[in-house]
Amino acid sequence: MMLWDSIVGTLLKSVAPEVAGYYREKQKLKQEVEMEIIRGKAAYEAAKTKRAEASEGRDHEWELESIRNSGWKDEWVMGLVSIPAIMAFTPWGQPYVVAGFEALEATPLWYQTVMVSVFLAAYGIRWWRRKVD
């Protein structure tokens, strides 16, 4: 029994430190990989936040410029859009409103798209820049 203990003890003394070193190195590398993943996620979130802040800044600047440039054209467009709405509530104007919208419906799609785009641009509606999460 004493000989066996001596052999096992000798083997463990020479092998155990190497095995322990191997597992320590493996754990260290695993931690480094996990830290790189965390750093990558943090960098991604920081870049995402920076892009959102920049976009909000551009939106704010665009809104201010739109307010500075607003004038008679906004009131004119509002009046023009309001006329059919008001006429729709008067008996004498209803046939004209219906006929007018039927005529607009008969126009080419490109013309309808241009009309909608001009209206949206006049009022600063930027739905294309809004991202729904």
N, C-alpha and C. Protein backbone atom coordinates (compact mmCIF):
# COMPACT_ATOMS: atom_id res chain seq x y z
N MET A 1 0.81 -1.17 0.00
CA MET A 1 0.00 0.00 0.00
C MET A 1 0.87 1.25 0.00
N MET A 2 1.95 1.19 0.70
CA MET A 2 2.86 2.30 0.81
C MET A 2 3.50 2.62 -0.54
N LEU A 3 3.81 1.62 -1.30
CA LEU A 3 4.41 1.81 -2.62
C LEU A 3 3.40 2.48 -3.56
N TRP A 4 2.18 2.01 -3.49
CA TRP A 4 1.12 2.57 -4.32
C TRP A 4 0.91 4.04 -4.00
N ASP A 5 0.86 4.38 -2.75
CA ASP A 5 0.71 5.77 -2.32
C ASP A 5 1.87 6.62 -2.82
N SER A 6 3.03 6.07 -2.81
CA SER A 6 4.21 6.79 -3.26
C SER A 6 4.13 7.05 -4.76
N ILE A 7 3.71 6.04 -5.53
CA ILE A 7 3.60 6.19 -7.00
C ILE A 7 2.53 7.23 -7.33
N VAL A 8 1.35 7.09 -6.74
CA VAL A 8 0.26 8.03 -7.01
C VAL A 8 0.65 9.43 -6.56
N GLY A 9 1.24 9.55 -5.43
CA GLY A 9 1.66 10.86 -4.92
C GLY A 9 2.66 11.52 -5.85
N THR A 10 3.61 10.75 -6.36
CA THR A 10 4.61 11.28 -7.28
C THR A 10 3.96 11.74 -8.58
N LEU A 11 3.06 10.91 -9.10
CA LEU A 11 2.36 11.28 -10.35
C LEU A 11 1.52 12.55 -10.16
N LEU A 12 0.81 12.60 -9.06
CA LEU A 12 -0.04 13.76 -8.82
C LEU A 12 0.79 15.03 -8.62
N LYS A 13 1.94 14.90 -8.00
CA LYS A 13 2.79 16.07 -7.80
C LYS A 13 3.28 16.65 -9.12
N SER A 14 3.53 15.78 -10.08
CA SER A 14 4.05 16.28 -11.36
C SER A 14 2.93 16.66 -12.33
N VAL A 15 1.79 15.98 -12.27
CA VAL A 15 0.72 16.22 -13.24
C VAL A 15 -0.28 17.27 -12.74
N ALA A 16 -0.58 17.26 -11.46
CA ALA A 16 -1.62 18.14 -10.91
C ALA A 16 -1.37 19.62 -11.20
N PRO A 17 -0.18 20.14 -11.03
CA PRO A 17 0.02 21.56 -11.34
C PRO A 17 -0.24 21.90 -12.81
N GLU A 18 0.14 20.99 -13.71
CA GLU A 18 -0.10 21.25 -15.14
C GLU A 18 -1.59 21.24 -15.46
N VAL A 19 -2.31 20.28 -14.87
CA VAL A 19 -3.76 20.21 -15.09
C VAL A 19 -4.43 21.47 -14.52
N ALA A 20 -4.04 21.86 -13.34
CA ALA A 20 -4.61 23.06 -12.72
C ALA A 20 -4.28 24.29 -13.56
N GLY A 21 -3.07 24.38 -14.08
CA GLY A 21 -2.68 25.51 -14.93
C GLY A 21 -3.50 25.54 -16.22
N TYR A 22 -3.74 24.36 -16.78
CA TYR A 22 -4.55 24.26 -18.00
C TYR A 22 -5.95 24.80 -17.74
N TYR A 23 -6.58 24.39 -16.66
CA TYR A 23 -7.95 24.84 -16.36
C TYR A 23 -7.99 26.33 -16.01
N ARG A 24 -6.96 26.83 -15.33
CA ARG A 24 -6.90 28.27 -15.05
C ARG A 24 -6.81 29.07 -16.35
N GLU A 25 -5.94 28.61 -17.26
CA GLU A 25 -5.78 29.30 -18.55
C GLU A 25 -7.07 29.25 -19.36
N LYS A 26 -7.73 28.11 -19.32
CA LYS A 26 -9.00 27.95 -20.05
C LYS A 26 -10.06 28.92 -19.50
N GLN A 27 -10.16 29.04 -18.18
CA GLN A 27 -11.10 29.96 -17.55
C GLN A 27 -10.76 31.40 -17.89
N LYS A 28 -9.47 31.73 -17.92
CA LYS A 28 -9.03 33.08 -18.24
C LYS A 28 -9.42 33.44 -19.68
N LEU A 29 -9.19 32.52 -20.61
CA LEU A 29 -9.55 32.77 -22.01
C LEU A 29 -11.07 32.90 -22.17
N LYS A 30 -11.81 32.09 -21.45
CA LYS A 30 -13.27 32.15 -21.52
C LYS A 30 -13.77 33.51 -21.01
N GLN A 31 -13.18 34.00 -19.93
CA GLN A 31 -13.55 35.31 -19.40
C GLN A 31 -13.21 36.42 -20.38
N GLU A 32 -12.07 36.31 -21.05
CA GLU A 32 -11.68 37.33 -22.03
C GLU A 32 -12.66 37.37 -23.19
N VAL A 33 -13.09 36.19 -23.65
CA VAL A 33 -14.07 36.13 -24.74
C VAL A 33 -15.38 36.77 -24.30
N GLU A 34 -15.84 36.44 -23.09
CA GLU A 34 -17.07 37.02 -22.58
C GLU A 34 -16.97 38.53 -22.43
N MET A 35 -15.82 39.02 -22.00
CA MET A 35 -15.62 40.46 -21.87
C MET A 35 -15.64 41.15 -23.24
N GLU A 36 -15.06 40.52 -24.24
CA GLU A 36 -15.07 41.09 -25.60
C GLU A 36 -16.51 41.16 -26.12
N ILE A 37 -17.30 40.15 -25.82
CA ILE A 37 -18.71 40.16 -26.24
C ILE A 37 -19.43 41.32 -25.56
N ILE A 38 -19.20 41.50 -24.28
CA ILE A 38 -19.83 42.60 -23.53
C ILE A 38 -19.36 43.95 -24.07
N ARG A 39 -18.05 44.08 -24.34
CA ARG A 39 -17.54 45.34 -24.91
C ARG A 39 -18.17 45.62 -26.27
N GLY A 40 -18.32 44.57 -27.08
CA GLY A 40 -18.94 44.74 -28.40
C GLY A 40 -20.38 45.20 -28.29
N LYS A 41 -21.13 44.61 -27.36
CA LYS A 41 -22.52 45.02 -27.16
C LYS A 41 -22.59 46.46 -26.66
N ALA A 42 -21.69 46.83 -25.76
CA ALA A 42 -21.67 48.19 -25.25
C ALA A 42 -21.34 49.19 -26.36
N ALA A 43 -20.38 48.84 -27.21
CA ALA A 43 -20.01 49.72 -28.32
C ALA A 43 -21.16 49.86 -29.30
N TYR A 44 -21.87 48.76 -29.56
CA TYR A 44 -23.02 48.79 -30.47
C TYR A 44 -24.10 49.71 -29.91
N GLU A 45 -24.42 49.58 -28.63
CA GLU A 45 -25.45 50.42 -28.01
C GLU A 45 -25.03 51.88 -28.00
N ALA A 46 -23.74 52.14 -27.75
CA ALA A 46 -23.26 53.52 -27.75
C ALA A 46 -23.40 54.14 -29.14
N ALA A 47 -23.05 53.37 -30.16
CA ALA A 47 -23.17 53.87 -31.54
C ALA A 47 -24.63 54.09 -31.90
N LYS A 48 -25.50 53.20 -31.47
CA LYS A 48 -26.93 53.33 -31.73
C LYS A 48 -27.48 54.59 -31.07
N THR A 49 -27.07 54.84 -29.84
CA THR A 49 -27.51 56.04 -29.12
C THR A 49 -26.98 57.29 -29.82
N LYS A 50 -25.75 57.26 -30.25
CA LYS A 50 -25.15 58.41 -30.94
C LYS A 50 -25.90 58.71 -32.24
N ARG A 51 -26.25 57.66 -33.00
CA ARG A 51 -27.01 57.86 -34.23
C ARG A 51 -28.38 58.46 -33.94
N ALA A 52 -29.05 57.98 -32.89
CA ALA A 52 -30.37 58.50 -32.53
C ALA A 52 -30.28 59.97 -32.12
N GLU A 53 -29.26 60.31 -31.34
CA GLU A 53 -29.09 61.71 -30.92
C GLU A 53 -28.82 62.61 -32.11
N ALA A 54 -28.00 62.13 -33.04
CA ALA A 54 -27.70 62.93 -34.23
C ALA A 54 -28.96 63.12 -35.07
N SER A 55 -29.76 62.08 -35.18
CA SER A 55 -30.99 62.17 -35.96
C SER A 55 -31.97 63.15 -35.32
N GLU A 56 -32.08 63.10 -34.00
CA GLU A 56 -32.96 64.04 -33.31
C GLU A 56 -32.48 65.48 -33.50
N GLY A 57 -31.18 65.65 -33.50
CA GLY A 57 -30.63 66.99 -33.72
C GLY A 57 -30.96 67.51 -35.11
N ARG A 58 -30.84 66.64 -36.11
CA ARG A 58 -31.19 67.05 -37.47
C ARG A 58 -32.69 67.36 -37.57
N ASP A 59 -33.52 66.53 -36.91
CA ASP A 59 -34.96 66.79 -36.92
C ASP A 59 -35.26 68.14 -36.29
N HIS A 60 -34.60 68.44 -35.20
CA HIS A 60 -34.83 69.71 -34.51
C HIS A 60 -34.43 70.88 -35.41
N GLU A 61 -33.28 70.77 -36.04
CA GLU A 61 -32.82 71.82 -36.94
C GLU A 61 -33.79 72.00 -38.11
N TRP A 62 -34.30 70.88 -38.63
CA TRP A 62 -35.23 70.93 -39.74
C TRP A 62 -36.52 71.61 -39.32
N GLU A 63 -37.01 71.28 -38.11
CA GLU A 63 -38.23 71.90 -37.59
C GLU A 63 -38.04 73.41 -37.43
N LEU A 64 -36.90 73.83 -36.87
CA LEU A 64 -36.66 75.26 -36.70
C LEU A 64 -36.61 75.98 -38.04
N GLU A 65 -35.95 75.39 -39.01
CA GLU A 65 -35.88 76.00 -40.35
C GLU A 65 -37.27 76.07 -40.97
N SER A 66 -38.06 75.04 -40.75
CA SER A 66 -39.43 75.03 -41.27
C SER A 66 -40.26 76.15 -40.65
N ILE A 67 -40.08 76.37 -39.36
CA ILE A 67 -40.81 77.44 -38.67
C ILE A 67 -40.35 78.80 -39.20
N ARG A 68 -39.04 78.98 -39.40
CA ARG A 68 -38.51 80.25 -39.92
C ARG A 68 -39.05 80.54 -41.32
N ASN A 69 -39.22 79.49 -42.12
CA ASN A 69 -39.65 79.68 -43.51
C ASN A 69 -41.16 79.64 -43.69
N SER A 70 -41.89 79.37 -42.61
CA SER A 70 -43.34 79.30 -42.78
C SER A 70 -43.87 80.71 -43.01
N GLY A 71 -44.91 80.76 -43.75
CA GLY A 71 -45.47 82.06 -44.06
C GLY A 71 -46.82 81.88 -44.70
N TRP A 72 -47.08 82.67 -45.73
CA TRP A 72 -48.38 82.66 -46.38
C TRP A 72 -48.70 81.33 -47.04
N LYS A 73 -47.66 80.58 -47.47
CA LYS A 73 -47.95 79.33 -48.19
C LYS A 73 -48.64 78.32 -47.29
N ASP A 74 -48.27 78.26 -46.01
CA ASP A 74 -48.93 77.32 -45.09
C ASP A 74 -50.40 77.69 -44.91
N GLU A 75 -50.67 78.99 -44.76
CA GLU A 75 -52.05 79.42 -44.60
C GLU A 75 -52.84 79.17 -45.89
N TRP A 76 -52.19 79.39 -47.02
CA TRP A 76 -52.85 79.16 -48.31
C TRP A 76 -53.22 77.69 -48.48
N VAL A 77 -52.27 76.80 -48.16
CA VAL A 77 -52.53 75.37 -48.28
C VAL A 77 -53.64 74.96 -47.31
N MET A 78 -53.62 75.49 -46.08
CA MET A 78 -54.66 75.16 -45.11
C MET A 78 -56.03 75.62 -45.61
N GLY A 79 -56.08 76.81 -46.17
CA GLY A 79 -57.35 77.30 -46.73
C GLY A 79 -57.83 76.43 -47.87
N LEU A 80 -56.92 76.08 -48.74
CA LEU A 80 -57.27 75.25 -49.89
C LEU A 80 -57.80 73.89 -49.46
N VAL A 81 -57.18 73.31 -48.46
CA VAL A 81 -57.62 72.00 -47.97
C VAL A 81 -58.94 72.13 -47.21
N SER A 82 -59.17 73.26 -46.57
CA SER A 82 -60.39 73.44 -45.78
C SER A 82 -61.63 73.68 -46.63
N ILE A 83 -61.45 74.23 -47.81
CA ILE A 83 -62.61 74.55 -48.66
C ILE A 83 -63.50 73.33 -48.90
N PRO A 84 -62.96 72.19 -49.37
CA PRO A 84 -63.85 71.04 -49.58
C PRO A 84 -64.48 70.52 -48.28
N ALA A 85 -63.74 70.60 -47.19
CA ALA A 85 -64.28 70.14 -45.92
C ALA A 85 -65.47 70.99 -45.49
N ILE A 86 -65.37 72.30 -45.68
CA ILE A 86 -66.47 73.20 -45.33
C ILE A 86 -67.65 72.99 -46.29
N MET A 87 -67.35 72.88 -47.56
CA MET A 87 -68.41 72.70 -48.56
C MET A 87 -69.15 71.38 -48.38
N ALA A 88 -68.48 70.36 -47.83
CA ALA A 88 -69.13 69.07 -47.63
C ALA A 88 -70.26 69.17 -46.61
N PHE A 89 -70.24 70.19 -45.77
CA PHE A 89 -71.29 70.36 -44.76
C PHE A 89 -72.40 71.32 -45.21
N THR A 90 -72.32 71.81 -46.43
CA THR A 90 -73.38 72.69 -46.94
C THR A 90 -74.09 71.97 -48.07
N PRO A 91 -75.43 72.02 -48.08
CA PRO A 91 -76.17 71.29 -49.13
C PRO A 91 -75.81 71.75 -50.55
N TRP A 92 -75.58 73.03 -50.76
CA TRP A 92 -75.27 73.52 -52.10
C TRP A 92 -73.87 73.12 -52.55
N GLY A 93 -72.94 72.83 -51.58
CA GLY A 93 -71.56 72.52 -51.95
C GLY A 93 -71.26 71.03 -52.08
N GLN A 94 -72.12 70.20 -51.53
CA GLN A 94 -71.84 68.75 -51.54
C GLN A 94 -71.65 68.17 -52.94
N PRO A 95 -72.50 68.50 -53.91
CA PRO A 95 -72.28 67.92 -55.25
C PRO A 95 -70.93 68.32 -55.86
N TYR A 96 -70.48 69.53 -55.58
CA TYR A 96 -69.20 69.99 -56.10
C TYR A 96 -68.04 69.24 -55.45
N VAL A 97 -68.16 69.00 -54.15
CA VAL A 97 -67.10 68.28 -53.43
C VAL A 97 -67.00 66.85 -53.96
N VAL A 98 -68.14 66.18 -54.09
CA VAL A 98 -68.15 64.79 -54.59
C VAL A 98 -67.58 64.75 -56.01
N ALA A 99 -68.03 65.65 -56.86
CA ALA A 99 -67.53 65.68 -58.24
C ALA A 99 -66.02 65.98 -58.27
N GLY A 100 -65.58 66.86 -57.39
CA GLY A 100 -64.15 67.20 -57.35
C GLY A 100 -63.29 66.01 -56.94
N PHE A 101 -63.74 65.29 -55.92
CA PHE A 101 -62.95 64.13 -55.49
C PHE A 101 -63.01 62.99 -56.51
N GLU A 102 -64.12 62.86 -57.21
CA GLU A 102 -64.18 61.86 -58.28
C GLU A 102 -63.20 62.23 -59.40
N ALA A 103 -63.11 63.52 -59.68
CA ALA A 103 -62.17 63.98 -60.70
C ALA A 103 -60.72 63.74 -60.24
N LEU A 104 -60.43 64.00 -58.97
CA LEU A 104 -59.08 63.75 -58.46
C LEU A 104 -58.75 62.26 -58.48
N GLU A 105 -59.74 61.44 -58.20
CA GLU A 105 -59.52 59.99 -58.21
C GLU A 105 -59.18 59.49 -59.61
N ALA A 106 -59.64 60.21 -60.62
CA ALA A 106 -59.37 59.81 -62.01
C ALA A 106 -57.99 60.26 -62.49
N THR A 107 -57.30 61.08 -61.70
CA THR A 107 -55.97 61.54 -62.12
C THR A 107 -54.96 60.40 -61.98
N PRO A 108 -53.84 60.49 -62.70
CA PRO A 108 -52.82 59.44 -62.59
C PRO A 108 -52.23 59.35 -61.18
N LEU A 109 -51.77 58.17 -60.84
CA LEU A 109 -51.21 57.95 -59.50
C LEU A 109 -50.02 58.87 -59.24
N TRP A 110 -49.20 59.13 -60.25
CA TRP A 110 -48.04 59.97 -60.03
C TRP A 110 -48.47 61.39 -59.61
N TYR A 111 -49.57 61.88 -60.20
CA TYR A 111 -50.05 63.21 -59.84
C TYR A 111 -50.57 63.23 -58.41
N GLN A 112 -51.31 62.20 -58.03
CA GLN A 112 -51.82 62.10 -56.66
C GLN A 112 -50.65 62.06 -55.67
N THR A 113 -49.61 61.29 -56.03
CA THR A 113 -48.44 61.19 -55.17
C THR A 113 -47.74 62.53 -55.02
N VAL A 114 -47.63 63.28 -56.10
CA VAL A 114 -47.00 64.60 -56.05
C VAL A 114 -47.83 65.54 -55.16
N MET A 115 -49.14 65.49 -55.30
CA MET A 115 -49.99 66.35 -54.48
C MET A 115 -49.83 66.04 -53.00
N VAL A 116 -49.84 64.77 -52.66
CA VAL A 116 -49.68 64.37 -51.26
C VAL A 116 -48.30 64.78 -50.75
N SER A 117 -47.27 64.59 -51.58
CA SER A 117 -45.91 64.94 -51.18
C SER A 117 -45.78 66.44 -50.92
N VAL A 118 -46.37 67.26 -51.76
CA VAL A 118 -46.31 68.71 -51.59
C VAL A 118 -47.01 69.10 -50.28
N PHE A 119 -48.14 68.50 -50.01
CA PHE A 119 -48.86 68.79 -48.77
C PHE A 119 -48.03 68.40 -47.56
N LEU A 120 -47.47 67.19 -47.60
CA LEU A 120 -46.66 66.73 -46.48
C LEU A 120 -45.42 67.61 -46.28
N ALA A 121 -44.81 68.02 -47.38
CA ALA A 121 -43.62 68.88 -47.28
C ALA A 121 -43.98 70.25 -46.72
N ALA A 122 -45.15 70.76 -47.09
CA ALA A 122 -45.56 72.08 -46.61
C ALA A 122 -45.77 72.09 -45.11
N TYR A 123 -46.20 70.98 -44.57
CA TYR A 123 -46.45 70.91 -43.13
C TYR A 123 -45.37 70.20 -42.36
N GLY A 124 -44.29 69.85 -43.02
CA GLY A 124 -43.14 69.29 -42.31
C GLY A 124 -43.38 67.92 -41.74
N ILE A 125 -44.22 67.15 -42.37
CA ILE A 125 -44.50 65.81 -41.87
C ILE A 125 -43.44 64.88 -42.46
N ARG A 126 -42.62 64.30 -41.57
CA ARG A 126 -41.52 63.46 -42.02
C ARG A 126 -41.75 62.01 -41.59
N TRP A 127 -42.79 61.41 -42.05
CA TRP A 127 -43.09 60.03 -41.64
C TRP A 127 -42.02 59.08 -42.11
N TRP A 128 -41.32 59.39 -43.18
CA TRP A 128 -40.29 58.48 -43.68
C TRP A 128 -39.08 58.41 -42.75
N ARG A 129 -38.92 59.41 -41.88
CA ARG A 129 -37.78 59.41 -40.97
C ARG A 129 -38.11 58.77 -39.63
N ARG A 130 -39.38 58.50 -39.42
CA ARG A 130 -39.80 57.92 -38.15
C ARG A 130 -39.69 56.41 -38.22
N LYS A 131 -38.95 55.85 -37.29
CA LYS A 131 -38.77 54.41 -37.25
C LYS A 131 -39.60 53.85 -36.10
N VAL A 132 -40.43 52.89 -36.42
CA VAL A 132 -41.24 52.27 -35.37
C VAL A 132 -40.47 51.09 -34.82
N ASP A 133 -40.25 51.10 -33.51
CA ASP A 133 -39.52 50.01 -32.87
C ASP A 133 -40.46 48.90 -32.45
